[in-house]
N, C-alpha and C. Protein backbone atom coordinates (compact mmCIF):
# COMPACT_ATOMS: atom_id res chain seq x y z
N MET A 1 73.21 26.43 -144.73
CA MET A 1 73.97 25.79 -143.21
C MET A 1 73.23 25.30 -142.87
N GLY A 2 74.03 24.17 -142.29
CA GLY A 2 73.47 22.99 -141.47
C GLY A 2 73.50 23.39 -140.27
N ASN A 3 72.95 22.30 -139.03
CA ASN A 3 72.81 22.27 -137.65
C ASN A 3 74.11 22.21 -137.18
N GLY A 4 74.74 23.24 -136.34
CA GLY A 4 76.02 23.06 -135.36
C GLY A 4 75.97 22.41 -134.35
N VAL A 5 76.90 21.82 -133.84
CA VAL A 5 76.89 20.68 -132.71
C VAL A 5 77.69 22.24 -131.57
N VAL A 6 76.65 21.80 -130.67
CA VAL A 6 76.08 22.80 -129.83
C VAL A 6 77.35 22.27 -128.25
N HIS A 7 77.25 20.95 -127.71
CA HIS A 7 77.40 20.58 -126.74
C HIS A 7 78.28 19.36 -127.15
N PHE A 8 78.89 18.95 -125.93
CA PHE A 8 79.64 17.18 -125.93
C PHE A 8 79.18 16.47 -124.22
N GLU A 9 79.37 15.49 -124.22
CA GLU A 9 79.25 15.19 -122.84
C GLU A 9 79.74 13.78 -122.96
N ILE A 10 80.35 13.97 -121.71
CA ILE A 10 81.14 12.66 -121.31
C ILE A 10 80.78 12.00 -120.19
N MET A 11 80.07 10.22 -120.10
CA MET A 11 79.19 10.15 -119.04
C MET A 11 79.95 9.12 -118.50
N SER A 12 80.03 8.36 -117.15
CA SER A 12 81.36 7.65 -117.26
C SER A 12 80.67 7.09 -115.84
N LYS A 13 81.28 6.23 -115.26
CA LYS A 13 81.05 5.14 -113.86
C LYS A 13 81.17 6.34 -112.83
N ASP A 14 82.56 6.79 -112.86
CA ASP A 14 82.54 7.57 -111.86
C ASP A 14 82.98 8.85 -112.57
N GLY A 15 82.08 9.95 -111.89
CA GLY A 15 81.78 11.13 -112.65
C GLY A 15 82.66 12.17 -111.87
N LYS A 16 83.02 11.82 -110.63
CA LYS A 16 83.71 12.84 -110.11
C LYS A 16 85.52 12.23 -110.49
N ARG A 17 85.75 10.80 -110.60
CA ARG A 17 87.03 11.05 -111.46
C ARG A 17 87.80 11.39 -112.62
N MET A 18 86.36 11.68 -113.42
CA MET A 18 86.65 11.58 -114.97
C MET A 18 86.89 13.59 -114.79
N ARG A 19 86.04 14.17 -114.47
CA ARG A 19 85.89 15.39 -113.96
C ARG A 19 87.37 15.93 -113.69
N GLU A 20 87.99 15.06 -112.68
CA GLU A 20 89.00 15.63 -112.32
C GLU A 20 90.57 15.19 -113.43
N PHE A 21 90.18 13.92 -113.97
CA PHE A 21 90.89 13.31 -115.13
C PHE A 21 90.46 14.26 -116.09
N TYR A 22 89.83 14.55 -116.98
CA TYR A 22 89.73 16.04 -118.01
C TYR A 22 90.15 17.32 -117.75
N GLY A 23 89.52 17.66 -116.42
CA GLY A 23 89.93 19.09 -116.52
C GLY A 23 92.02 19.12 -115.91
N SER A 24 92.33 18.00 -115.24
CA SER A 24 93.86 18.28 -115.60
C SER A 24 94.61 18.00 -116.43
N LEU A 25 94.04 17.57 -117.24
CA LEU A 25 94.55 17.17 -118.74
C LEU A 25 94.67 17.83 -119.71
N PHE A 26 93.53 18.62 -120.03
CA PHE A 26 92.87 19.93 -120.59
C PHE A 26 93.21 21.34 -119.92
N GLY A 27 92.95 21.29 -118.77
CA GLY A 27 92.96 22.57 -117.89
C GLY A 27 91.96 23.10 -117.80
N TRP A 28 90.11 22.32 -118.37
CA TRP A 28 89.27 22.72 -118.04
C TRP A 28 88.74 23.38 -116.96
N PRO A 29 87.80 24.17 -116.42
CA PRO A 29 87.26 24.61 -115.12
C PRO A 29 86.16 24.09 -115.58
N ILE A 30 85.49 23.09 -115.02
CA ILE A 30 84.23 22.40 -114.30
C ILE A 30 83.26 22.37 -113.50
N ASP A 31 82.22 22.59 -113.35
CA ASP A 31 81.31 23.25 -112.00
C ASP A 31 80.64 22.11 -112.13
N ALA A 32 80.83 21.36 -111.34
CA ALA A 32 79.57 20.43 -110.49
C ALA A 32 78.64 20.96 -109.66
N ASN A 33 78.45 22.33 -109.82
CA ASN A 33 77.57 22.46 -108.44
C ASN A 33 76.15 22.87 -108.77
N ASN A 34 75.37 21.35 -109.02
CA ASN A 34 74.28 21.85 -109.43
C ASN A 34 73.62 20.58 -109.09
N PRO A 35 72.22 20.39 -108.65
CA PRO A 35 71.50 19.44 -108.22
C PRO A 35 71.52 17.79 -108.75
N LEU A 36 72.21 17.50 -110.68
CA LEU A 36 72.39 16.73 -111.03
C LEU A 36 74.12 16.25 -110.79
N ASN A 37 74.87 16.81 -109.77
CA ASN A 37 76.36 16.93 -109.80
C ASN A 37 76.85 16.27 -111.35
N TYR A 38 76.23 17.48 -112.06
CA TYR A 38 77.13 17.21 -113.48
C TYR A 38 77.86 18.21 -114.13
N GLY A 39 79.03 18.09 -114.16
CA GLY A 39 80.16 18.63 -114.48
C GLY A 39 79.80 19.51 -116.08
N VAL A 40 79.81 20.80 -115.60
CA VAL A 40 79.57 21.80 -116.99
C VAL A 40 80.58 22.43 -117.00
N ILE A 41 81.28 22.58 -118.50
CA ILE A 41 82.67 22.76 -119.02
C ILE A 41 82.43 24.01 -119.88
N GLN A 42 83.11 24.90 -119.60
CA GLN A 42 82.51 26.39 -120.50
C GLN A 42 84.24 26.54 -120.77
N PRO A 43 83.63 26.25 -122.50
CA PRO A 43 85.03 26.01 -123.17
C PRO A 43 86.58 27.27 -123.38
N GLY A 44 85.87 28.34 -123.33
CA GLY A 44 87.25 29.40 -122.56
C GLY A 44 87.91 29.80 -123.96
N MET A 45 87.52 29.13 -125.30
CA MET A 45 87.45 29.86 -126.30
C MET A 45 87.18 30.00 -127.28
N GLU A 46 87.39 30.77 -128.10
CA GLU A 46 86.21 31.45 -128.99
C GLU A 46 85.79 30.11 -129.90
N ARG A 47 86.25 29.30 -130.54
CA ARG A 47 86.12 28.35 -131.63
C ARG A 47 85.82 27.12 -130.74
N ALA A 48 85.57 27.07 -129.53
CA ALA A 48 85.17 25.70 -128.69
C ALA A 48 84.14 26.00 -128.54
N ILE A 49 83.34 24.83 -128.15
CA ILE A 49 81.82 23.96 -127.75
C ILE A 49 81.85 24.20 -126.06
N GLY A 50 81.04 23.94 -125.42
CA GLY A 50 80.94 23.44 -124.09
C GLY A 50 80.49 22.51 -123.66
N GLY A 51 80.64 21.76 -122.50
CA GLY A 51 80.59 20.32 -122.62
C GLY A 51 80.03 19.90 -121.15
N GLY A 52 79.88 18.27 -120.76
CA GLY A 52 79.84 18.16 -119.82
C GLY A 52 80.18 17.21 -119.17
N ILE A 53 80.61 16.31 -117.95
CA ILE A 53 81.02 15.24 -117.48
C ILE A 53 79.95 15.14 -116.08
N GLY A 54 79.42 13.98 -116.55
CA GLY A 54 78.46 12.84 -115.69
C GLY A 54 78.62 11.99 -115.43
N GLN A 55 77.86 11.52 -114.71
CA GLN A 55 77.69 9.72 -114.39
C GLN A 55 76.94 9.26 -114.72
N VAL A 56 76.84 8.19 -115.55
CA VAL A 56 75.90 7.14 -115.83
C VAL A 56 75.49 6.42 -114.39
N THR A 57 74.14 5.57 -114.73
CA THR A 57 72.97 4.94 -113.53
C THR A 57 73.71 3.57 -113.80
N GLU A 58 73.59 2.89 -112.38
CA GLU A 58 74.08 1.77 -111.84
C GLU A 58 73.92 0.48 -113.40
N ASN A 59 73.18 0.61 -114.62
CA ASN A 59 72.59 -0.52 -114.98
C ASN A 59 73.21 0.20 -117.27
N GLN A 60 73.76 1.65 -116.82
CA GLN A 60 74.14 1.96 -118.10
C GLN A 60 75.47 1.67 -118.56
N LEU A 61 76.30 1.61 -119.60
CA LEU A 61 77.28 1.61 -119.65
C LEU A 61 78.34 3.48 -120.34
N PRO A 62 79.41 3.59 -119.85
CA PRO A 62 80.08 4.88 -119.86
C PRO A 62 79.70 5.65 -121.42
N TYR A 63 79.29 6.39 -121.81
CA TYR A 63 79.67 6.88 -123.66
C TYR A 63 80.02 8.42 -123.75
N THR A 64 80.68 8.15 -124.72
CA THR A 64 80.48 9.88 -124.96
C THR A 64 79.62 10.27 -126.19
N THR A 65 79.21 11.55 -126.45
CA THR A 65 78.30 11.76 -127.55
C THR A 65 78.80 13.40 -127.34
N PHE A 66 77.94 14.11 -128.90
CA PHE A 66 77.60 14.80 -128.83
C PHE A 66 75.94 15.58 -129.17
N TYR A 67 75.64 17.23 -129.12
CA TYR A 67 74.55 17.41 -129.11
C TYR A 67 74.55 18.28 -130.34
N VAL A 68 73.54 18.20 -131.32
CA VAL A 68 72.96 19.12 -132.35
C VAL A 68 71.69 20.26 -131.76
N ALA A 69 72.10 21.25 -132.15
CA ALA A 69 71.30 22.06 -132.04
C ALA A 69 69.68 22.28 -133.32
N VAL A 70 68.64 22.13 -133.31
CA VAL A 70 67.76 21.96 -133.71
C VAL A 70 66.52 23.03 -133.69
N ASP A 71 65.70 23.42 -134.42
CA ASP A 71 64.35 23.47 -134.11
C ASP A 71 63.58 22.49 -133.13
N ASN A 72 63.50 21.59 -134.08
CA ASN A 72 62.21 21.43 -133.33
C ASN A 72 63.03 19.83 -133.68
N PRO A 73 62.89 19.04 -131.76
CA PRO A 73 63.11 17.92 -131.94
C PRO A 73 63.05 16.63 -132.39
N GLN A 74 61.29 16.77 -132.24
CA GLN A 74 61.04 15.74 -132.73
C GLN A 74 60.58 15.49 -134.22
N GLU A 75 60.88 16.70 -134.95
CA GLU A 75 60.62 16.40 -135.80
C GLU A 75 62.10 15.64 -136.72
N TYR A 76 63.36 16.31 -135.82
CA TYR A 76 64.40 15.27 -136.35
C TYR A 76 64.45 13.47 -135.64
N LEU A 77 63.67 13.36 -134.42
CA LEU A 77 63.18 12.23 -134.07
C LEU A 77 62.68 11.38 -135.11
N ASP A 78 61.90 11.77 -135.80
CA ASP A 78 61.14 11.10 -136.60
C ASP A 78 61.42 10.60 -137.97
N LYS A 79 62.44 11.96 -137.93
CA LYS A 79 63.37 11.37 -139.44
C LYS A 79 64.84 10.35 -139.09
N VAL A 80 64.94 10.24 -138.11
CA VAL A 80 65.90 9.42 -137.75
C VAL A 80 65.40 7.92 -137.48
N VAL A 81 64.04 8.01 -136.93
CA VAL A 81 63.43 6.40 -136.76
C VAL A 81 63.17 6.11 -138.71
N SER A 82 63.23 7.54 -139.51
CA SER A 82 62.77 6.58 -141.06
C SER A 82 63.62 6.06 -141.57
N MET A 83 65.46 7.00 -141.11
CA MET A 83 66.10 6.67 -142.36
C MET A 83 66.81 5.41 -141.49
N GLY A 84 66.31 4.55 -140.52
CA GLY A 84 66.66 3.31 -139.78
C GLY A 84 67.32 3.50 -138.01
N GLY A 85 67.16 4.94 -137.58
CA GLY A 85 67.93 4.67 -136.73
C GLY A 85 66.80 4.55 -135.40
N LYS A 86 67.54 4.75 -133.83
CA LYS A 86 66.55 4.22 -132.99
C LYS A 86 66.32 5.52 -131.78
N VAL A 87 64.98 5.84 -131.52
CA VAL A 87 65.05 6.81 -130.96
C VAL A 87 65.55 6.06 -128.90
N LEU A 88 66.23 6.92 -128.55
CA LEU A 88 66.47 6.38 -126.73
C LEU A 88 66.34 7.10 -125.78
N ILE A 89 65.86 8.27 -126.04
CA ILE A 89 65.56 9.31 -124.82
C ILE A 89 64.35 10.37 -125.81
N PRO A 90 63.58 10.26 -125.64
CA PRO A 90 61.88 10.92 -126.19
C PRO A 90 62.18 12.62 -125.94
N VAL A 91 62.16 13.63 -126.15
CA VAL A 91 61.52 14.83 -126.44
C VAL A 91 62.07 15.38 -125.02
N THR A 92 62.65 15.85 -124.14
CA THR A 92 62.66 16.16 -122.69
C THR A 92 62.66 16.75 -122.63
N ASP A 93 61.90 17.80 -121.70
CA ASP A 93 62.12 19.49 -121.29
C ASP A 93 63.04 19.21 -119.20
N ILE A 94 63.88 20.14 -119.15
CA ILE A 94 64.64 19.92 -117.87
C ILE A 94 63.94 21.73 -117.43
N PRO A 95 62.83 21.98 -117.02
CA PRO A 95 62.56 23.52 -117.10
C PRO A 95 64.16 24.32 -116.45
N GLY A 96 64.27 25.21 -117.31
CA GLY A 96 65.75 26.53 -117.12
C GLY A 96 66.67 26.10 -117.44
N MET A 97 66.53 24.57 -118.02
CA MET A 97 67.74 24.35 -118.62
C MET A 97 67.70 23.80 -120.15
N VAL A 98 67.08 23.29 -120.33
CA VAL A 98 67.36 22.70 -121.67
C VAL A 98 66.11 21.25 -122.01
N THR A 99 65.71 21.34 -123.37
CA THR A 99 64.80 20.38 -123.84
C THR A 99 65.88 19.45 -124.86
N PHE A 100 65.77 18.40 -124.62
CA PHE A 100 66.80 17.55 -125.85
C PHE A 100 66.02 16.16 -126.06
N ALA A 101 66.93 15.08 -126.66
CA ALA A 101 66.45 14.15 -127.10
C ALA A 101 68.00 13.54 -127.41
N MET A 102 67.66 12.01 -127.42
CA MET A 102 68.38 11.37 -127.93
C MET A 102 68.44 10.04 -128.73
N PHE A 103 69.12 9.65 -129.78
CA PHE A 103 69.00 8.93 -130.42
C PHE A 103 70.18 8.03 -130.81
N SER A 104 70.25 6.97 -131.37
CA SER A 104 71.22 5.83 -131.89
C SER A 104 70.53 6.27 -133.72
N ASP A 105 72.08 5.74 -134.12
CA ASP A 105 72.16 6.01 -135.83
C ASP A 105 72.28 4.94 -136.08
N PRO A 106 72.22 4.29 -137.18
CA PRO A 106 72.07 2.84 -138.15
C PRO A 106 72.96 1.95 -137.30
N GLU A 107 73.91 2.80 -137.19
CA GLU A 107 75.05 1.68 -136.67
C GLU A 107 75.39 1.82 -135.06
N GLY A 108 74.37 2.30 -133.82
CA GLY A 108 74.64 2.49 -132.64
C GLY A 108 74.91 3.56 -132.27
N ASN A 109 75.61 4.66 -132.99
CA ASN A 109 75.96 5.71 -132.42
C ASN A 109 75.08 7.10 -131.63
N MET A 110 75.42 7.01 -130.63
CA MET A 110 74.40 8.03 -129.68
C MET A 110 74.60 9.45 -129.94
N VAL A 111 73.64 10.04 -130.54
CA VAL A 111 73.77 11.35 -130.49
C VAL A 111 72.71 12.06 -130.09
N GLY A 112 72.83 13.47 -129.74
CA GLY A 112 71.77 14.47 -128.71
C GLY A 112 71.32 15.36 -129.45
N LEU A 113 70.01 15.72 -129.22
CA LEU A 113 69.71 17.00 -129.69
C LEU A 113 69.27 18.01 -128.85
N VAL A 114 69.32 19.00 -129.07
CA VAL A 114 68.97 20.19 -128.28
C VAL A 114 68.35 21.09 -128.95
N LYS A 115 66.99 21.73 -128.50
CA LYS A 115 66.11 22.30 -129.01
C LYS A 115 67.20 24.02 -128.91
N ASP A 116 67.11 24.42 -129.85
CA ASP A 116 68.05 25.92 -129.85
C ASP A 116 67.05 26.86 -129.82
N VAL A 117 67.76 27.50 -129.00
CA VAL A 117 66.76 29.15 -128.66
C VAL A 117 67.53 30.12 -129.25
N PRO A 118 66.75 31.07 -129.83
CA PRO A 118 67.19 32.34 -130.35
C PRO A 118 67.98 33.15 -128.94
N PRO A 119 68.85 33.49 -128.89
CA PRO A 119 69.18 35.00 -128.20
C PRO A 119 68.53 36.03 -128.24
N PRO A 120 67.96 36.66 -127.34
CA PRO A 120 66.92 37.77 -127.23
C PRO A 120 67.46 38.79 -128.20
N ALA A 121 66.71 39.57 -128.87
CA ALA A 121 66.54 40.63 -129.72
C ALA A 121 67.63 41.48 -128.89
N LYS A 122 68.57 42.01 -129.80
CA LYS A 122 69.59 42.95 -129.23
C LYS A 122 68.21 44.39 -130.05
N PRO A 123 68.33 45.54 -128.90
CA PRO A 123 67.68 46.36 -129.58
C PRO A 123 68.67 47.81 -130.56
N LYS A 124 67.79 47.77 -131.44
CA LYS A 124 68.59 48.30 -132.84
C LYS A 124 69.45 50.42 -132.26
N PRO A 125 70.62 50.53 -132.65
CA PRO A 125 71.14 51.44 -132.67
C PRO A 125 69.90 52.91 -133.23
N ALA A 126 69.87 53.71 -132.39
CA ALA A 126 69.26 54.89 -133.19
C ALA A 126 69.68 54.98 -134.64
N ARG A 127 70.65 55.18 -135.26
CA ARG A 127 71.18 55.07 -136.45
C ARG A 127 70.58 54.20 -137.72
N ALA A 128 70.35 52.96 -136.86
CA ALA A 128 69.55 51.83 -137.77
C ALA A 128 68.24 52.26 -137.78
N LYS A 129 67.63 52.49 -136.84
CA LYS A 129 65.90 52.76 -136.39
C LYS A 129 65.87 53.82 -137.82
N LYS A 130 66.92 54.80 -138.17
CA LYS A 130 66.47 55.70 -138.88
C LYS A 130 66.72 55.57 -140.05
N ALA A 131 67.58 54.67 -140.53
CA ALA A 131 67.68 53.84 -141.54
C ALA A 131 66.72 52.85 -142.42
N ALA A 132 66.17 52.52 -141.23
CA ALA A 132 64.68 51.51 -141.67
C ALA A 132 63.66 52.41 -141.96
N ASN A 133 63.71 53.24 -141.19
CA ASN A 133 62.47 53.97 -141.27
C ASN A 133 62.17 55.04 -142.70
N ALA A 134 63.66 54.93 -143.12
CA ALA A 134 63.84 55.64 -144.53
C ALA A 134 63.37 54.69 -145.41
N LYS A 135 63.97 53.64 -145.30
CA LYS A 135 63.35 52.58 -146.29
C LYS A 135 61.80 52.76 -146.90
N LYS A 136 61.42 52.48 -145.22
CA LYS A 136 59.89 52.23 -145.30
C LYS A 136 58.99 53.34 -145.43
N GLY A 137 59.76 54.86 -146.01
CA GLY A 137 59.55 55.69 -147.02
C GLY A 137 58.78 56.91 -145.14
N LYS A 138 59.43 56.67 -144.17
CA LYS A 138 58.63 57.24 -142.98
C LYS A 138 60.00 58.58 -142.64
N LYS A 139 59.48 59.45 -142.70
CA LYS A 139 60.48 60.41 -142.39
C LYS A 139 60.60 60.71 -140.75
N ALA A 140 61.64 60.93 -140.72
CA ALA A 140 62.69 61.00 -139.35
C ALA A 140 61.77 61.84 -138.82
N PRO A 141 61.66 61.97 -137.36
CA PRO A 141 60.52 63.55 -136.58
C PRO A 141 61.89 64.22 -136.41
N ALA A 142 61.40 65.53 -136.72
CA ALA A 142 61.98 67.10 -137.36
C ALA A 142 62.80 67.47 -135.93
N ARG A 143 63.75 67.72 -136.32
CA ARG A 143 64.91 68.05 -135.34
C ARG A 143 64.42 70.13 -134.58
N LYS A 144 64.16 70.02 -133.35
CA LYS A 144 64.21 71.27 -133.30
C LYS A 144 65.80 71.94 -133.23
N LYS A 145 65.40 73.73 -134.03
CA LYS A 145 65.93 74.32 -134.34
C LYS A 145 66.16 74.92 -133.57
N SER A 146 67.86 75.00 -133.19
CA SER A 146 67.74 76.19 -132.28
C SER A 146 68.15 78.16 -132.90
N ALA A 147 67.78 79.08 -132.33
CA ALA A 147 67.58 80.33 -132.83
C ALA A 147 69.04 80.41 -133.17
N PRO A 148 69.23 81.28 -134.31
CA PRO A 148 70.61 81.68 -134.72
C PRO A 148 70.95 82.48 -133.86
N LYS A 149 72.49 82.40 -133.82
CA LYS A 149 73.47 82.76 -132.80
C LYS A 149 73.66 84.32 -133.48
N ARG A 150 73.56 85.30 -132.85
CA ARG A 150 73.59 87.08 -132.58
C ARG A 150 74.99 87.05 -132.82
N LYS A 151 75.23 88.10 -133.80
CA LYS A 151 76.41 88.20 -133.63
C LYS A 151 76.65 89.38 -132.72
N LYS A 152 77.94 89.93 -131.88
CA LYS A 152 77.65 90.98 -130.80
C LYS A 152 78.26 92.51 -131.42
N SER A 153 77.48 93.21 -131.15
CA SER A 153 78.10 94.10 -131.90
C SER A 153 79.38 94.74 -131.23
N ARG A 154 79.62 95.54 -132.17
CA ARG A 154 81.29 96.12 -131.09
C ARG A 154 81.14 97.64 -131.23
N ARG A 155 80.53 97.80 -129.93
CA ARG A 155 79.92 99.42 -129.76
C ARG A 155 81.22 100.55 -129.24
């Protein structure tokens, strides 16, 4: 199975105006309450991905792009270069948020890479542990047996 698209981005000259436009158009709740004033879009549908709407710097042109989750962004950037693409933003870590990079393909399309961080492991239910131990040849701890119930005698 290949890597999945995990985020999209619409970067514009007027981030506030574009957040209002897309928020109204698609009914997206957009939260830009962060130091970067970057509008985070939560999907709201099971099959949808999240995204963001931000503002380009004065010398940048607006753009739309998507981000793909990868285990090692630098490895992918090296492969991009070997295949005729260009690194636009090297691997960059924004502490507590994301590690990302951006490249352009041989035709100039901009694509982002996001370091895929696996979700924390969920604890195994007790039954799963018992089954796993049985496979490994371990015996389950012995249960305490309760004393047999005595029958009440009728006298």
